[in-house]
Amino acid sequence: MLACAAASCALHSFTESKPQPPAPTSGYVTVDKLPFREAWYGTYLNEEKIGYSHFKIEPANQNFTFTNDSLMRFTRLKKVEEVKQKERVVIRPDLTMVSFEYTVRKNDKDMRMIGRSDGENFVVEATVDGQTLSRKYPLREKVYHSSAD
């Protein structure tokens, strides 16, 4: 079976004269066609609820904002661990990203990351324990956020 599949691929490759354009993406392709605007999720460990996540999509002028607030709290080695996360992502109707902002708080320590696409560059700034790191990356194509996949 494997040899047959390999031969089929090779035959296709040798007989094709020029590459075909890529197939259109499957899925909703635009945010306004999604079947939901809000969702709540529970996080469980060994059948015990240890957290939640609240995801929401809202219009923001001509764009859309995805927000996600989540919390996990569990006990490890007799110590309570807590992780809070806030996420805000701005997406254009064609699902390309405008900007994002994350804030994570784990056991009284904060991490913040912001980023934006300005058309020519992707700019990211991360702050942990009062130290900030900034980076700028040139864009070669459109940027999509994982929440819009």
Foldseek 3Di string as FASTA:
>chain_A
DVVVVVVVVVVVVVPDDDDDPDDDDDDDQFDVPDPDFKDKAFDDDPNHTFKIKIWGWDDDPQKIKIWMWMKGWDADPNRIKIKIKIKIWIAHRSQFTAKIWMWIAIPNWIKIKIWGDPPQWIKIWIAGPRDIDIDIGGDPDTHHDPVSD
